Amino acid sequence: MNEDKNLNELFKNLEGQWDNHEPLLGHQQRFLDRLEGKKKRSPLTLILPIAAAILILFGIFTVYNNNGTTNATQEQMANVSPEVQETQMYFASIIEKELAKVEKEKSPETEMIIRDALVQMKKLEDDYNKLTHELIDKGENKQIIHAMITNLQTRISFLEEVLTRIENIKKIKENYHENTTA
């Protein structure tokens, strides 16, 4: 008897606080599909992993190719300005870490941003290589060195901005997923 009274009081106290709204259209089917482990397949589910693999291979090829061709340039630059080479090595390690973070975040939602970021990074790298050759040809020049450092800083800032955009996309996806599965 006492338990019934406690339960009745509990329900009376919680009155009006129950979620009794109808779920969104298709909620039951999505729930059942998840239980059964069904995934809706679209043509992109096959194409996207292949495109991602190609993009990763392209990135590896680019990094490998650049490392092979820049060793002689780095030696020449060390002769012109050891400080510039040291600065370049420092910034290059930061850029590599940030680039690895960006590539680690690859998903169907972020693929376009990452692909565009790699294209922009390639352009910045090409500009940097031109500056490096100009420094080697003309010798130590403060304007060229400043332009080189600015290029490296721009790449780091750009990658940080890309990571911020990726985080925003992930948050939007999570919020959307929470709202559609509620």
N, C-alpha and C. Protein backbone atom coordinates (compact mmCIF):
# COMPACT_ATOMS: atom_id res chain seq x y z
N MET A 1 0.81 -1.19 0.00
CA MET A 1 0.00 0.00 0.00
C MET A 1 0.86 1.26 0.00
N ASN A 2 1.91 1.22 0.83
CA ASN A 2 2.80 2.37 0.94
C ASN A 2 3.54 2.60 -0.37
N GLU A 3 3.91 1.50 -1.03
CA GLU A 3 4.59 1.62 -2.32
C GLU A 3 3.69 2.25 -3.36
N ASP A 4 2.41 1.86 -3.39
CA ASP A 4 1.46 2.44 -4.33
C ASP A 4 1.33 3.94 -4.10
N LYS A 5 1.28 4.34 -2.83
CA LYS A 5 1.15 5.76 -2.50
C LYS A 5 2.39 6.52 -2.98
N ASN A 6 3.59 5.93 -2.75
CA ASN A 6 4.84 6.56 -3.20
C ASN A 6 4.88 6.70 -4.72
N LEU A 7 4.44 5.64 -5.42
CA LEU A 7 4.41 5.70 -6.88
C LEU A 7 3.42 6.74 -7.37
N ASN A 8 2.26 6.79 -6.75
CA ASN A 8 1.27 7.79 -7.14
C ASN A 8 1.80 9.20 -6.92
N GLU A 9 2.49 9.44 -5.80
CA GLU A 9 3.08 10.75 -5.53
C GLU A 9 4.16 11.07 -6.56
N LEU A 10 4.96 10.08 -6.88
CA LEU A 10 6.03 10.28 -7.87
C LEU A 10 5.43 10.69 -9.21
N PHE A 11 4.41 9.96 -9.66
CA PHE A 11 3.78 10.28 -10.94
C PHE A 11 3.09 11.64 -10.89
N LYS A 12 2.52 11.96 -9.76
CA LYS A 12 1.86 13.26 -9.63
C LYS A 12 2.90 14.39 -9.70
N ASN A 13 4.04 14.20 -9.07
CA ASN A 13 5.11 15.21 -9.10
C ASN A 13 5.70 15.37 -10.50
N LEU A 14 5.74 14.29 -11.26
CA LEU A 14 6.33 14.32 -12.59
C LEU A 14 5.31 14.65 -13.69
N GLU A 15 4.08 14.91 -13.32
CA GLU A 15 3.03 15.18 -14.29
C GLU A 15 3.39 16.40 -15.14
N GLY A 16 3.22 16.27 -16.44
CA GLY A 16 3.52 17.35 -17.37
C GLY A 16 4.98 17.40 -17.80
N GLN A 17 5.80 16.52 -17.26
CA GLN A 17 7.21 16.52 -17.60
C GLN A 17 7.59 15.36 -18.52
N TRP A 18 6.65 14.58 -18.89
CA TRP A 18 6.91 13.42 -19.73
C TRP A 18 7.00 13.85 -21.19
N ASP A 19 7.88 13.21 -21.93
CA ASP A 19 7.99 13.44 -23.37
C ASP A 19 6.99 12.52 -24.05
N ASN A 20 5.88 13.10 -24.48
CA ASN A 20 4.84 12.29 -25.09
C ASN A 20 4.55 12.73 -26.53
N HIS A 21 5.53 13.39 -27.14
CA HIS A 21 5.37 13.82 -28.52
C HIS A 21 5.66 12.66 -29.47
N GLU A 22 5.04 12.73 -30.62
CA GLU A 22 5.26 11.72 -31.64
C GLU A 22 6.67 11.88 -32.21
N PRO A 23 7.36 10.77 -32.45
CA PRO A 23 8.67 10.89 -33.09
C PRO A 23 8.53 11.38 -34.53
N LEU A 24 9.65 11.86 -35.08
CA LEU A 24 9.64 12.36 -36.45
C LEU A 24 9.29 11.24 -37.42
N LEU A 25 8.79 11.63 -38.58
CA LEU A 25 8.39 10.69 -39.60
C LEU A 25 9.58 9.80 -39.99
N GLY A 26 9.39 8.52 -40.02
CA GLY A 26 10.44 7.58 -40.40
C GLY A 26 11.32 7.14 -39.24
N HIS A 27 11.03 7.62 -38.03
CA HIS A 27 11.86 7.29 -36.87
C HIS A 27 11.88 5.77 -36.62
N GLN A 28 10.72 5.17 -36.66
CA GLN A 28 10.63 3.74 -36.38
C GLN A 28 11.41 2.93 -37.41
N GLN A 29 11.31 3.31 -38.69
CA GLN A 29 12.03 2.57 -39.72
C GLN A 29 13.54 2.73 -39.56
N ARG A 30 14.00 3.96 -39.24
CA ARG A 30 15.44 4.17 -39.02
C ARG A 30 15.91 3.34 -37.83
N PHE A 31 15.10 3.27 -36.81
CA PHE A 31 15.45 2.48 -35.63
C PHE A 31 15.56 1.01 -35.98
N LEU A 32 14.57 0.51 -36.72
CA LEU A 32 14.58 -0.90 -37.12
C LEU A 32 15.76 -1.20 -38.05
N ASP A 33 16.06 -0.28 -38.95
CA ASP A 33 17.21 -0.47 -39.85
C ASP A 33 18.51 -0.56 -39.05
N ARG A 34 18.64 0.25 -38.04
CA ARG A 34 19.84 0.19 -37.21
C ARG A 34 19.92 -1.12 -36.45
N LEU A 35 18.80 -1.58 -35.96
CA LEU A 35 18.80 -2.85 -35.24
C LEU A 35 19.23 -3.99 -36.15
N GLU A 36 18.76 -3.95 -37.38
CA GLU A 36 19.08 -5.02 -38.32
C GLU A 36 20.45 -4.82 -38.96
N GLY A 37 21.06 -3.67 -38.74
CA GLY A 37 22.38 -3.41 -39.30
C GLY A 37 22.35 -3.06 -40.77
N LYS A 38 21.18 -2.67 -41.27
CA LYS A 38 21.07 -2.30 -42.67
C LYS A 38 21.65 -0.90 -42.86
N LYS A 39 22.31 -0.74 -43.96
CA LYS A 39 22.79 0.58 -44.33
C LYS A 39 22.29 0.86 -45.73
N LYS A 40 21.77 2.05 -45.90
CA LYS A 40 21.33 2.43 -47.23
C LYS A 40 22.57 2.71 -48.07
N ARG A 41 22.66 2.08 -49.18
CA ARG A 41 23.84 2.24 -50.04
C ARG A 41 23.50 3.21 -51.17
N SER A 42 24.42 4.12 -51.35
CA SER A 42 24.29 5.02 -52.48
C SER A 42 25.51 4.80 -53.36
N PRO A 43 25.48 5.29 -54.58
CA PRO A 43 26.63 5.10 -55.46
C PRO A 43 27.90 5.73 -54.88
N LEU A 44 27.74 6.74 -54.05
CA LEU A 44 28.90 7.42 -53.48
C LEU A 44 29.65 6.55 -52.46
N THR A 45 28.98 5.58 -51.86
CA THR A 45 29.65 4.77 -50.84
C THR A 45 30.79 3.94 -51.43
N LEU A 46 30.76 3.68 -52.70
CA LEU A 46 31.86 2.97 -53.35
C LEU A 46 32.89 3.95 -53.91
N ILE A 47 32.43 5.06 -54.43
CA ILE A 47 33.32 6.02 -55.08
C ILE A 47 34.15 6.80 -54.07
N LEU A 48 33.56 7.21 -52.96
CA LEU A 48 34.27 8.04 -52.00
C LEU A 48 35.52 7.39 -51.41
N PRO A 49 35.47 6.13 -50.98
CA PRO A 49 36.71 5.52 -50.47
C PRO A 49 37.80 5.42 -51.54
N ILE A 50 37.42 5.17 -52.77
CA ILE A 50 38.40 5.09 -53.85
C ILE A 50 39.02 6.46 -54.08
N ALA A 51 38.18 7.51 -54.10
CA ALA A 51 38.69 8.87 -54.28
C ALA A 51 39.60 9.26 -53.12
N ALA A 52 39.22 8.87 -51.91
CA ALA A 52 40.05 9.18 -50.75
C ALA A 52 41.40 8.49 -50.85
N ALA A 53 41.41 7.25 -51.27
CA ALA A 53 42.66 6.51 -51.41
C ALA A 53 43.56 7.16 -52.46
N ILE A 54 42.96 7.57 -53.57
CA ILE A 54 43.73 8.24 -54.63
C ILE A 54 44.31 9.54 -54.10
N LEU A 55 43.51 10.29 -53.35
CA LEU A 55 43.97 11.56 -52.80
C LEU A 55 45.12 11.34 -51.81
N ILE A 56 45.02 10.33 -50.99
CA ILE A 56 46.09 10.03 -50.04
C ILE A 56 47.36 9.63 -50.78
N LEU A 57 47.22 8.79 -51.81
CA LEU A 57 48.39 8.40 -52.60
C LEU A 57 49.01 9.61 -53.28
N PHE A 58 48.18 10.52 -53.78
CA PHE A 58 48.69 11.74 -54.39
C PHE A 58 49.46 12.56 -53.36
N GLY A 59 48.92 12.65 -52.15
CA GLY A 59 49.60 13.39 -51.07
C GLY A 59 50.94 12.77 -50.73
N ILE A 60 50.97 11.46 -50.62
CA ILE A 60 52.22 10.76 -50.32
C ILE A 60 53.23 10.96 -51.45
N PHE A 61 52.75 10.85 -52.69
CA PHE A 61 53.63 11.06 -53.83
C PHE A 61 54.19 12.47 -53.84
N THR A 62 53.34 13.45 -53.55
CA THR A 62 53.77 14.85 -53.52
C THR A 62 54.83 15.07 -52.45
N VAL A 63 54.58 14.55 -51.26
CA VAL A 63 55.55 14.72 -50.17
C VAL A 63 56.84 14.00 -50.52
N TYR A 64 56.76 12.77 -51.02
CA TYR A 64 57.95 12.01 -51.38
C TYR A 64 58.72 12.72 -52.49
N ASN A 65 57.99 13.18 -53.50
CA ASN A 65 58.61 13.85 -54.63
C ASN A 65 59.28 15.14 -54.19
N ASN A 66 58.63 15.91 -53.34
CA ASN A 66 59.21 17.16 -52.87
C ASN A 66 60.43 16.91 -52.01
N ASN A 67 60.40 15.88 -51.18
CA ASN A 67 61.56 15.58 -50.35
C ASN A 67 62.77 15.22 -51.22
N GLY A 68 62.55 14.51 -52.27
CA GLY A 68 63.64 14.11 -53.15
C GLY A 68 64.22 15.28 -53.92
N THR A 69 63.39 16.20 -54.37
CA THR A 69 63.88 17.30 -55.18
C THR A 69 64.40 18.46 -54.34
N THR A 70 64.00 18.56 -53.09
CA THR A 70 64.41 19.72 -52.31
C THR A 70 65.67 19.50 -51.51
N ASN A 71 66.21 18.28 -51.48
CA ASN A 71 67.44 18.05 -50.73
C ASN A 71 68.58 18.89 -51.27
N ALA A 72 68.75 18.92 -52.60
CA ALA A 72 69.81 19.74 -53.19
C ALA A 72 69.54 21.22 -52.93
N THR A 73 68.28 21.61 -53.03
CA THR A 73 67.91 23.01 -52.77
C THR A 73 68.20 23.38 -51.32
N GLN A 74 67.90 22.46 -50.40
CA GLN A 74 68.16 22.74 -48.99
C GLN A 74 69.65 22.90 -48.73
N GLU A 75 70.47 22.08 -49.39
CA GLU A 75 71.91 22.22 -49.22
C GLU A 75 72.40 23.57 -49.74
N GLN A 76 71.86 23.98 -50.90
CA GLN A 76 72.23 25.28 -51.45
C GLN A 76 71.78 26.40 -50.53
N MET A 77 70.58 26.26 -49.98
CA MET A 77 70.06 27.29 -49.10
C MET A 77 70.87 27.36 -47.81
N ALA A 78 71.34 26.23 -47.32
CA ALA A 78 72.16 26.22 -46.11
C ALA A 78 73.44 27.00 -46.35
N ASN A 79 73.97 26.92 -47.57
CA ASN A 79 75.17 27.69 -47.91
C ASN A 79 74.87 29.18 -47.95
N VAL A 80 73.67 29.55 -48.43
CA VAL A 80 73.30 30.95 -48.53
C VAL A 80 72.96 31.49 -47.15
N SER A 81 72.08 30.77 -46.41
CA SER A 81 71.63 31.26 -45.12
C SER A 81 71.24 30.09 -44.22
N PRO A 82 72.13 29.72 -43.30
CA PRO A 82 71.80 28.63 -42.38
C PRO A 82 70.59 28.95 -41.50
N GLU A 83 70.40 30.22 -41.16
CA GLU A 83 69.26 30.62 -40.33
C GLU A 83 67.94 30.35 -41.06
N VAL A 84 67.92 30.65 -42.36
CA VAL A 84 66.70 30.42 -43.15
C VAL A 84 66.40 28.93 -43.20
N GLN A 85 67.42 28.12 -43.38
CA GLN A 85 67.19 26.67 -43.44
C GLN A 85 66.65 26.17 -42.10
N GLU A 86 67.21 26.67 -41.01
CA GLU A 86 66.75 26.25 -39.69
C GLU A 86 65.29 26.66 -39.47
N THR A 87 64.96 27.88 -39.87
CA THR A 87 63.58 28.37 -39.75
C THR A 87 62.64 27.53 -40.60
N GLN A 88 63.10 27.21 -41.81
CA GLN A 88 62.27 26.41 -42.71
C GLN A 88 62.00 25.04 -42.11
N MET A 89 63.01 24.43 -41.52
CA MET A 89 62.84 23.10 -40.92
C MET A 89 61.82 23.16 -39.78
N TYR A 90 61.90 24.21 -38.97
CA TYR A 90 60.98 24.37 -37.86
C TYR A 90 59.54 24.49 -38.36
N PHE A 91 59.33 25.41 -39.31
CA PHE A 91 57.98 25.61 -39.85
C PHE A 91 57.50 24.37 -40.60
N ALA A 92 58.38 23.71 -41.31
CA ALA A 92 57.99 22.53 -42.08
C ALA A 92 57.47 21.43 -41.16
N SER A 93 58.09 21.27 -39.99
CA SER A 93 57.61 20.23 -39.07
C SER A 93 56.22 20.58 -38.55
N ILE A 94 55.97 21.85 -38.27
CA ILE A 94 54.64 22.27 -37.82
C ILE A 94 53.61 22.03 -38.93
N ILE A 95 53.98 22.42 -40.15
CA ILE A 95 53.07 22.25 -41.28
C ILE A 95 52.74 20.77 -41.49
N GLU A 96 53.74 19.90 -41.39
CA GLU A 96 53.50 18.46 -41.55
C GLU A 96 52.52 17.94 -40.50
N LYS A 97 52.70 18.38 -39.25
CA LYS A 97 51.80 17.94 -38.18
C LYS A 97 50.37 18.41 -38.44
N GLU A 98 50.23 19.69 -38.83
CA GLU A 98 48.89 20.23 -39.09
C GLU A 98 48.26 19.53 -40.29
N LEU A 99 49.05 19.27 -41.31
CA LEU A 99 48.54 18.59 -42.50
C LEU A 99 48.10 17.17 -42.16
N ALA A 100 48.84 16.50 -41.29
CA ALA A 100 48.46 15.15 -40.86
C ALA A 100 47.13 15.20 -40.10
N LYS A 101 46.95 16.23 -39.26
CA LYS A 101 45.68 16.38 -38.55
C LYS A 101 44.53 16.55 -39.53
N VAL A 102 44.75 17.38 -40.55
CA VAL A 102 43.70 17.62 -41.55
C VAL A 102 43.35 16.33 -42.27
N GLU A 103 44.36 15.59 -42.73
CA GLU A 103 44.10 14.36 -43.47
C GLU A 103 43.46 13.30 -42.58
N LYS A 104 43.74 13.34 -41.30
CA LYS A 104 43.14 12.39 -40.35
C LYS A 104 41.63 12.61 -40.22
N GLU A 105 41.18 13.82 -40.48
CA GLU A 105 39.76 14.17 -40.34
C GLU A 105 38.96 13.87 -41.60
N LYS A 106 39.53 13.15 -42.53
CA LYS A 106 38.85 12.89 -43.80
C LYS A 106 37.60 12.06 -43.59
N SER A 107 36.52 12.55 -44.16
CA SER A 107 35.24 11.86 -44.15
C SER A 107 34.47 12.34 -45.38
N PRO A 108 33.36 11.71 -45.69
CA PRO A 108 32.59 12.18 -46.86
C PRO A 108 32.17 13.65 -46.72
N GLU A 109 31.89 14.08 -45.49
CA GLU A 109 31.46 15.46 -45.28
C GLU A 109 32.59 16.46 -45.44
N THR A 110 33.81 16.04 -45.15
CA THR A 110 34.94 16.97 -45.16
C THR A 110 35.84 16.80 -46.39
N GLU A 111 35.53 15.84 -47.23
CA GLU A 111 36.42 15.53 -48.35
C GLU A 111 36.66 16.74 -49.26
N MET A 112 35.61 17.49 -49.59
CA MET A 112 35.77 18.60 -50.50
C MET A 112 36.67 19.69 -49.88
N ILE A 113 36.47 19.97 -48.61
CA ILE A 113 37.28 20.98 -47.94
C ILE A 113 38.75 20.54 -47.92
N ILE A 114 38.98 19.28 -47.62
CA ILE A 114 40.36 18.78 -47.55
C ILE A 114 41.00 18.80 -48.93
N ARG A 115 40.26 18.40 -49.95
CA ARG A 115 40.80 18.41 -51.32
C ARG A 115 41.16 19.84 -51.73
N ASP A 116 40.26 20.80 -51.46
CA ASP A 116 40.55 22.19 -51.78
C ASP A 116 41.74 22.71 -50.98
N ALA A 117 41.84 22.30 -49.73
CA ALA A 117 42.95 22.74 -48.89
C ALA A 117 44.28 22.22 -49.45
N LEU A 118 44.30 20.99 -49.91
CA LEU A 118 45.53 20.44 -50.49
C LEU A 118 45.93 21.18 -51.76
N VAL A 119 44.94 21.58 -52.55
CA VAL A 119 45.23 22.36 -53.76
C VAL A 119 45.84 23.71 -53.37
N GLN A 120 45.24 24.37 -52.37
CA GLN A 120 45.78 25.66 -51.93
C GLN A 120 47.17 25.50 -51.32
N MET A 121 47.38 24.43 -50.57
CA MET A 121 48.70 24.18 -49.99
C MET A 121 49.74 23.97 -51.09
N LYS A 122 49.36 23.28 -52.16
CA LYS A 122 50.28 23.06 -53.28
C LYS A 122 50.66 24.40 -53.91
N LYS A 123 49.70 25.31 -54.06
CA LYS A 123 49.99 26.63 -54.63
C LYS A 123 50.96 27.40 -53.73
N LEU A 124 50.69 27.36 -52.42
CA LEU A 124 51.58 28.05 -51.49
C LEU A 124 52.98 27.43 -51.51
N GLU A 125 53.04 26.12 -51.62
CA GLU A 125 54.33 25.43 -51.68
C GLU A 125 55.09 25.79 -52.95
N ASP A 126 54.37 25.89 -54.08
CA ASP A 126 55.01 26.30 -55.33
C ASP A 126 55.57 27.71 -55.21
N ASP A 127 54.79 28.60 -54.59
CA ASP A 127 55.27 29.97 -54.37
C ASP A 127 56.53 29.96 -53.51
N TYR A 128 56.52 29.13 -52.49
CA TYR A 128 57.67 29.04 -51.59
C TYR A 128 58.90 28.54 -52.34
N ASN A 129 58.71 27.54 -53.19
CA ASN A 129 59.83 27.01 -53.97
C ASN A 129 60.42 28.07 -54.89
N LYS A 130 59.56 28.91 -55.48
CA LYS A 130 60.05 30.02 -56.32
C LYS A 130 60.89 30.98 -55.48
N LEU A 131 60.40 31.28 -54.28
CA LEU A 131 61.16 32.17 -53.40
C LEU A 131 62.50 31.55 -53.01
N THR A 132 62.49 30.25 -52.77
CA THR A 132 63.73 29.55 -52.41
C THR A 132 64.76 29.66 -53.53
N HIS A 133 64.31 29.42 -54.75
CA HIS A 133 65.23 29.51 -55.89
C HIS A 133 65.71 30.95 -56.08
N GLU A 134 64.82 31.88 -55.84
CA GLU A 134 65.22 33.30 -55.95
C GLU A 134 66.26 33.64 -54.89
N LEU A 135 66.09 33.12 -53.68
CA LEU A 135 67.06 33.35 -52.61
C LEU A 135 68.43 32.76 -52.98
N ILE A 136 68.40 31.57 -53.55
CA ILE A 136 69.66 30.92 -53.96
C ILE A 136 70.33 31.73 -55.07
N ASP A 137 69.52 32.18 -56.03
CA ASP A 137 70.09 32.93 -57.16
C ASP A 137 70.63 34.30 -56.75
N LYS A 138 69.89 35.02 -55.91
CA LYS A 138 70.25 36.41 -55.57
C LYS A 138 71.04 36.53 -54.28
N GLY A 139 71.12 35.47 -53.52
CA GLY A 139 71.81 35.55 -52.25
C GLY A 139 70.85 36.03 -51.15
N GLU A 140 71.40 36.20 -49.96
CA GLU A 140 70.57 36.56 -48.81
C GLU A 140 69.94 37.93 -49.02
N ASN A 141 68.64 37.96 -49.02
CA ASN A 141 67.87 39.18 -49.26
C ASN A 141 66.74 39.21 -48.24
N LYS A 142 66.65 40.27 -47.44
CA LYS A 142 65.67 40.34 -46.36
C LYS A 142 64.23 40.27 -46.87
N GLN A 143 63.97 40.87 -48.00
CA GLN A 143 62.61 40.84 -48.53
C GLN A 143 62.20 39.42 -48.92
N ILE A 144 63.10 38.70 -49.54
CA ILE A 144 62.79 37.32 -49.93
C ILE A 144 62.62 36.46 -48.69
N ILE A 145 63.51 36.63 -47.71
CA ILE A 145 63.41 35.85 -46.48
C ILE A 145 62.10 36.16 -45.77
N HIS A 146 61.72 37.42 -45.72
CA HIS A 146 60.45 37.80 -45.09
C HIS A 146 59.27 37.16 -45.84
N ALA A 147 59.33 37.17 -47.16
CA ALA A 147 58.25 36.56 -47.97
C ALA A 147 58.18 35.06 -47.70
N MET A 148 59.33 34.42 -47.55
CA MET A 148 59.36 32.98 -47.28
C MET A 148 58.73 32.67 -45.92
N ILE A 149 59.09 33.44 -44.91
CA ILE A 149 58.54 33.22 -43.57
C ILE A 149 57.04 33.49 -43.57
N THR A 150 56.62 34.55 -44.27
CA THR A 150 55.19 34.85 -44.36
C THR A 150 54.45 33.70 -45.03
N ASN A 151 55.03 33.12 -46.07
CA ASN A 151 54.42 31.98 -46.75
C ASN A 151 54.24 30.81 -45.79
N LEU A 152 55.27 30.51 -45.02
CA LEU A 152 55.19 29.39 -44.07
C LEU A 152 54.13 29.66 -43.01
N GLN A 153 54.09 30.89 -42.49
CA GLN A 153 53.09 31.25 -41.48
C GLN A 153 51.68 31.18 -42.06
N THR A 154 51.55 31.60 -43.31
CA THR A 154 50.25 31.56 -43.98
C THR A 154 49.76 30.11 -44.11
N ARG A 155 50.67 29.21 -44.44
CA ARG A 155 50.27 27.80 -44.56
C ARG A 155 49.79 27.24 -43.23
N ILE A 156 50.49 27.58 -42.15
CA ILE A 156 50.08 27.09 -40.82
C ILE A 156 48.72 27.66 -40.45
N SER A 157 48.54 28.97 -40.63
CA SER A 157 47.25 29.60 -40.32
C SER A 157 46.13 29.00 -41.16
N PHE A 158 46.42 28.77 -42.43
CA PHE A 158 45.42 28.19 -43.33
C PHE A 158 45.00 26.80 -42.86
N LEU A 159 45.97 25.97 -42.49
CA LEU A 159 45.64 24.62 -42.02
C LEU A 159 44.86 24.67 -40.72
N GLU A 160 45.18 25.61 -39.83
CA GLU A 160 44.42 25.75 -38.59
C GLU A 160 42.98 26.17 -38.89
N GLU A 161 42.80 27.05 -39.88
CA GLU A 161 41.45 27.45 -40.27
C GLU A 161 40.67 26.28 -40.87
N VAL A 162 41.35 25.48 -41.67
CA VAL A 162 40.71 24.29 -42.25
C VAL A 162 40.26 23.34 -41.14
N LEU A 163 41.12 23.14 -40.14
CA LEU A 163 40.75 22.28 -39.00
C LEU A 163 39.54 22.84 -38.26
N THR A 164 39.49 24.16 -38.11
CA THR A 164 38.33 24.78 -37.45
C THR A 164 37.06 24.53 -38.26
N ARG A 165 37.15 24.67 -39.57
CA ARG A 165 35.99 24.42 -40.43
C ARG A 165 35.55 22.96 -40.33
N ILE A 166 36.51 22.06 -40.30
CA ILE A 166 36.18 20.63 -40.18
C ILE A 166 35.47 20.37 -38.86
N GLU A 167 35.97 20.96 -37.78
CA GLU A 167 35.32 20.80 -36.47
C GLU A 167 33.89 21.33 -36.52
N ASN A 168 33.67 22.46 -37.18
CA ASN A 168 32.32 23.02 -37.30
C ASN A 168 31.41 22.08 -38.08
N ILE A 169 31.94 21.48 -39.14
CA ILE A 169 31.15 20.53 -39.93
C ILE A 169 30.78 19.33 -39.06
N LYS A 170 31.73 18.83 -38.28
CA LYS A 170 31.45 17.69 -37.41
C LYS A 170 30.38 18.04 -36.38
N LYS A 171 30.44 19.24 -35.81
CA LYS A 171 29.43 19.65 -34.83
C LYS A 171 28.06 19.76 -35.48
N ILE A 172 28.02 20.34 -36.67
CA ILE A 172 26.73 20.46 -37.38
C ILE A 172 26.17 19.08 -37.66
N LYS A 173 27.04 18.16 -38.10
CA LYS A 173 26.59 16.79 -38.39
C LYS A 173 26.04 16.12 -37.12
N GLU A 174 26.76 16.29 -36.00
CA GLU A 174 26.31 15.70 -34.74
C GLU A 174 24.97 16.27 -34.32
N ASN A 175 24.82 17.60 -34.42
CA ASN A 175 23.54 18.23 -34.05
C ASN A 175 22.42 17.75 -34.96
N TYR A 176 22.69 17.66 -36.27
CA TYR A 176 21.68 17.21 -37.20
C TYR A 176 21.30 15.76 -36.90
N HIS A 177 22.32 14.94 -36.63
CA HIS A 177 22.07 13.54 -36.32
C HIS A 177 21.24 13.40 -35.04
N GLU A 178 21.56 14.21 -34.02
CA GLU A 178 20.79 14.17 -32.79
C GLU A 178 19.34 14.58 -33.01
N ASN A 179 19.14 15.60 -33.85
CA ASN A 179 17.78 16.09 -34.10
C ASN A 179 16.97 15.14 -34.95
N THR A 180 17.61 14.44 -35.88
CA THR A 180 16.84 13.53 -36.74
C THR A 180 16.59 12.18 -36.09
N THR A 181 17.38 11.83 -35.09
CA THR A 181 17.17 10.54 -34.44
C THR A 181 16.37 10.68 -33.15
N ALA A 182 16.02 11.88 -32.80
CA ALA A 182 15.25 12.10 -31.55
C ALA A 182 13.84 11.61 -31.68
